[in-house]
Amino acid sequence: MRIMGLDFGTVTVGVAISDPMGLTAQGIETVHYVEHKKNLLFDRIGELIQQFDVESVVVGLPKDLIGTETERAIASRGFAKSIKRKFKIPVDLWDERLTTMAAERILIAADVSRKKRKKVIDKEAAVLILQSYLDKLRMEHRTND
């Protein structure tokens, strides 16, 4: 069972996919889009869902440091609803607080240049969103056993 993680931004969407056992997240790509041509974004997401045989999706939900949802959260909720409707698969929202900052730190520690970081930051944030979601699922599974 593969799960797709998405970091939905204003002009890019970071994409990550789990391994078939749902243990680890791998960054796939950063999809660039224009607001008035979102159909192209959904086309690409659909291709990736089919290519990787994705069974569910998790979309990052932006919140501020005290847990209040931001304006981007409203857009992310709408995006998640569209994915669920278009692809007929389960979609969860996941608190993505500080994932972009954490992704930035990881890339800096790996000595990735500022120019290259800008190109991959959303994909790395999607990895962090998906990995934390997978870890939660694993913890729940252990608790239920």
Protein backbone atom coordinates (compact mmCIF):
# COMPACT_ATOMS: atom_id res chain seq x y z
CA MET A 1 0.00 0.00 0.00
CA ARG A 2 1.52 3.31 -1.06
CA ILE A 3 0.59 6.67 0.36
CA MET A 4 1.30 10.01 -1.32
CA GLY A 5 2.30 13.04 0.73
CA LEU A 6 1.71 16.53 -0.65
CA ASP A 7 3.02 19.90 0.48
CA PHE A 8 0.60 22.34 -1.19
CA GLY A 9 2.02 25.81 -1.80
CA THR A 10 0.97 28.86 -3.76
CA VAL A 11 2.95 27.94 -6.91
CA THR A 12 4.45 24.51 -6.16
CA VAL A 13 3.42 21.19 -4.69
CA GLY A 14 6.04 18.94 -3.14
CA VAL A 15 5.34 15.25 -3.72
CA ALA A 16 6.52 12.26 -1.69
CA ILE A 17 5.57 8.59 -1.94
CA SER A 18 5.83 5.85 0.68
CA ASP A 19 7.52 2.54 0.01
CA PRO A 20 5.05 -0.35 -0.60
CA MET A 21 5.13 -1.36 3.08
CA GLY A 22 4.35 2.17 4.29
CA LEU A 23 7.54 2.52 6.31
CA THR A 24 9.50 5.28 4.60
CA ALA A 25 8.82 8.36 2.52
CA GLN A 26 10.79 9.30 -0.58
CA GLY A 27 10.68 12.63 -2.36
CA ILE A 28 9.47 12.32 -5.94
CA GLU A 29 9.26 15.81 -7.40
CA THR A 30 8.13 19.39 -7.06
CA VAL A 31 5.25 20.23 -9.37
CA HIS A 32 5.00 23.87 -10.46
CA TYR A 33 1.58 25.22 -11.35
CA VAL A 34 -0.31 28.39 -12.17
CA GLU A 35 -3.54 29.07 -10.26
CA HIS A 36 -5.66 29.41 -13.40
CA LYS A 37 -4.26 26.14 -14.84
CA LYS A 38 -4.70 23.84 -11.85
CA ASN A 39 -6.02 21.15 -14.18
CA LEU A 40 -2.40 20.54 -15.23
CA LEU A 41 -1.44 20.11 -11.57
CA PHE A 42 -4.23 17.58 -11.06
CA ASP A 43 -3.26 15.79 -14.27
CA ARG A 44 0.30 15.33 -12.96
CA ILE A 45 -0.89 14.20 -9.54
CA GLY A 46 -3.21 11.71 -11.26
CA GLU A 47 -0.29 10.35 -13.30
CA LEU A 48 1.76 9.86 -10.14
CA ILE A 49 -1.16 8.22 -8.32
CA GLN A 50 -1.47 5.74 -11.16
CA GLN A 51 2.29 5.24 -11.65
CA PHE A 52 2.91 4.43 -7.98
CA ASP A 53 -0.43 2.70 -7.35
CA VAL A 54 -1.28 5.15 -4.56
CA GLU A 55 -4.14 4.12 -2.28
CA SER A 56 -4.41 7.25 -0.15
CA VAL A 57 -3.06 10.79 0.11
CA VAL A 58 -2.01 13.00 3.00
CA VAL A 59 -1.96 16.77 2.48
CA GLY A 60 -0.03 19.09 4.77
CA LEU A 61 -2.26 21.46 6.76
CA PRO A 62 -0.51 24.74 7.58
CA LYS A 63 -0.98 26.01 11.13
CA ASP A 64 0.75 28.74 13.05
CA LEU A 65 2.87 28.01 16.11
CA ILE A 66 -0.10 28.00 18.50
CA GLY A 67 -2.09 25.62 16.30
CA THR A 68 -4.43 28.06 14.60
CA GLU A 69 -5.07 27.31 10.95
CA THR A 70 -3.66 29.85 8.50
CA GLU A 71 -5.19 31.22 5.30
CA ARG A 72 -3.17 28.60 3.43
CA ALA A 73 -4.97 25.96 5.50
CA ILE A 74 -8.24 26.94 3.83
CA ALA A 75 -6.61 26.50 0.43
CA SER A 76 -5.08 23.19 1.53
CA ARG A 77 -8.47 21.92 2.71
CA GLY A 78 -9.96 22.81 -0.68
CA PHE A 79 -7.06 21.14 -2.47
CA ALA A 80 -7.49 17.97 -0.39
CA LYS A 81 -11.22 17.94 -1.10
CA SER A 82 -10.54 18.27 -4.85
CA ILE A 83 -8.09 15.36 -4.80
CA LYS A 84 -10.58 13.18 -2.93
CA ARG A 85 -13.33 14.06 -5.40
CA LYS A 86 -11.23 13.72 -8.58
CA PHE A 87 -9.37 10.51 -7.73
CA LYS A 88 -11.88 8.76 -5.43
CA ILE A 89 -9.26 7.89 -2.81
CA PRO A 90 -9.04 8.68 0.90
CA VAL A 91 -7.33 11.97 1.76
CA ASP A 92 -6.14 12.97 5.23
CA LEU A 93 -4.91 16.35 6.39
CA TRP A 94 -1.76 16.44 8.53
CA ASP A 95 -0.37 19.25 10.68
CA GLU A 96 2.68 20.48 8.81
CA ARG A 97 3.89 23.00 11.38
CA LEU A 98 7.59 23.72 10.98
CA THR A 99 8.15 21.16 8.19
CA THR A 100 9.50 23.75 5.76
CA MET A 101 11.90 25.06 8.42
CA ALA A 102 12.98 21.49 9.25
CA ALA A 103 13.45 20.74 5.55
CA GLU A 104 15.57 23.87 5.20
CA ARG A 105 17.78 22.78 8.13
CA ILE A 106 18.23 19.30 6.65
CA LEU A 107 19.24 20.73 3.28
CA ILE A 108 21.64 23.23 4.87
CA ALA A 109 23.21 20.43 6.93
CA ALA A 110 23.65 18.48 3.70
CA ASP A 111 25.47 21.53 2.27
CA VAL A 112 22.92 22.07 -0.49
CA SER A 113 23.34 25.49 -2.11
CA ARG A 114 20.66 28.13 -1.63
CA LYS A 115 19.73 27.94 -5.32
CA LYS A 116 19.30 24.15 -5.20
CA ARG A 117 17.45 24.31 -1.85
CA LYS A 118 14.81 26.53 -3.42
CA LYS A 119 14.18 23.86 -6.06
CA VAL A 120 13.76 20.95 -3.64
CA ILE A 121 12.47 22.46 -0.38
CA ASP A 122 8.80 21.62 -1.09
CA LYS A 123 9.65 18.04 -2.02
CA GLU A 124 11.65 17.66 1.20
CA ALA A 125 8.76 19.18 3.20
CA ALA A 126 6.42 16.61 1.59
CA VAL A 127 8.81 13.86 2.74
CA LEU A 128 8.67 15.16 6.32
CA ILE A 129 4.86 15.43 6.23
CA LEU A 130 4.48 11.90 4.88
CA GLN A 131 7.13 10.36 7.16
CA SER A 132 5.54 11.78 10.30
CA TYR A 133 2.14 10.52 9.09
CA LEU A 134 3.58 7.03 8.43
CA ASP A 135 5.20 7.02 11.88
CA LYS A 136 1.83 7.86 13.45
CA LEU A 137 0.13 5.02 11.55
CA ARG A 138 2.82 2.60 12.73
CA MET A 139 2.41 3.73 16.35
CA GLU A 140 -1.38 3.31 16.14
CA HIS A 141 -0.92 -0.17 14.63
CA ARG A 142 1.41 -1.21 17.47
CA THR A 143 -1.03 0.14 20.06
CA ASN A 144 -3.89 -1.84 18.53
CA ASP A 145 -1.91 -5.12 18.48
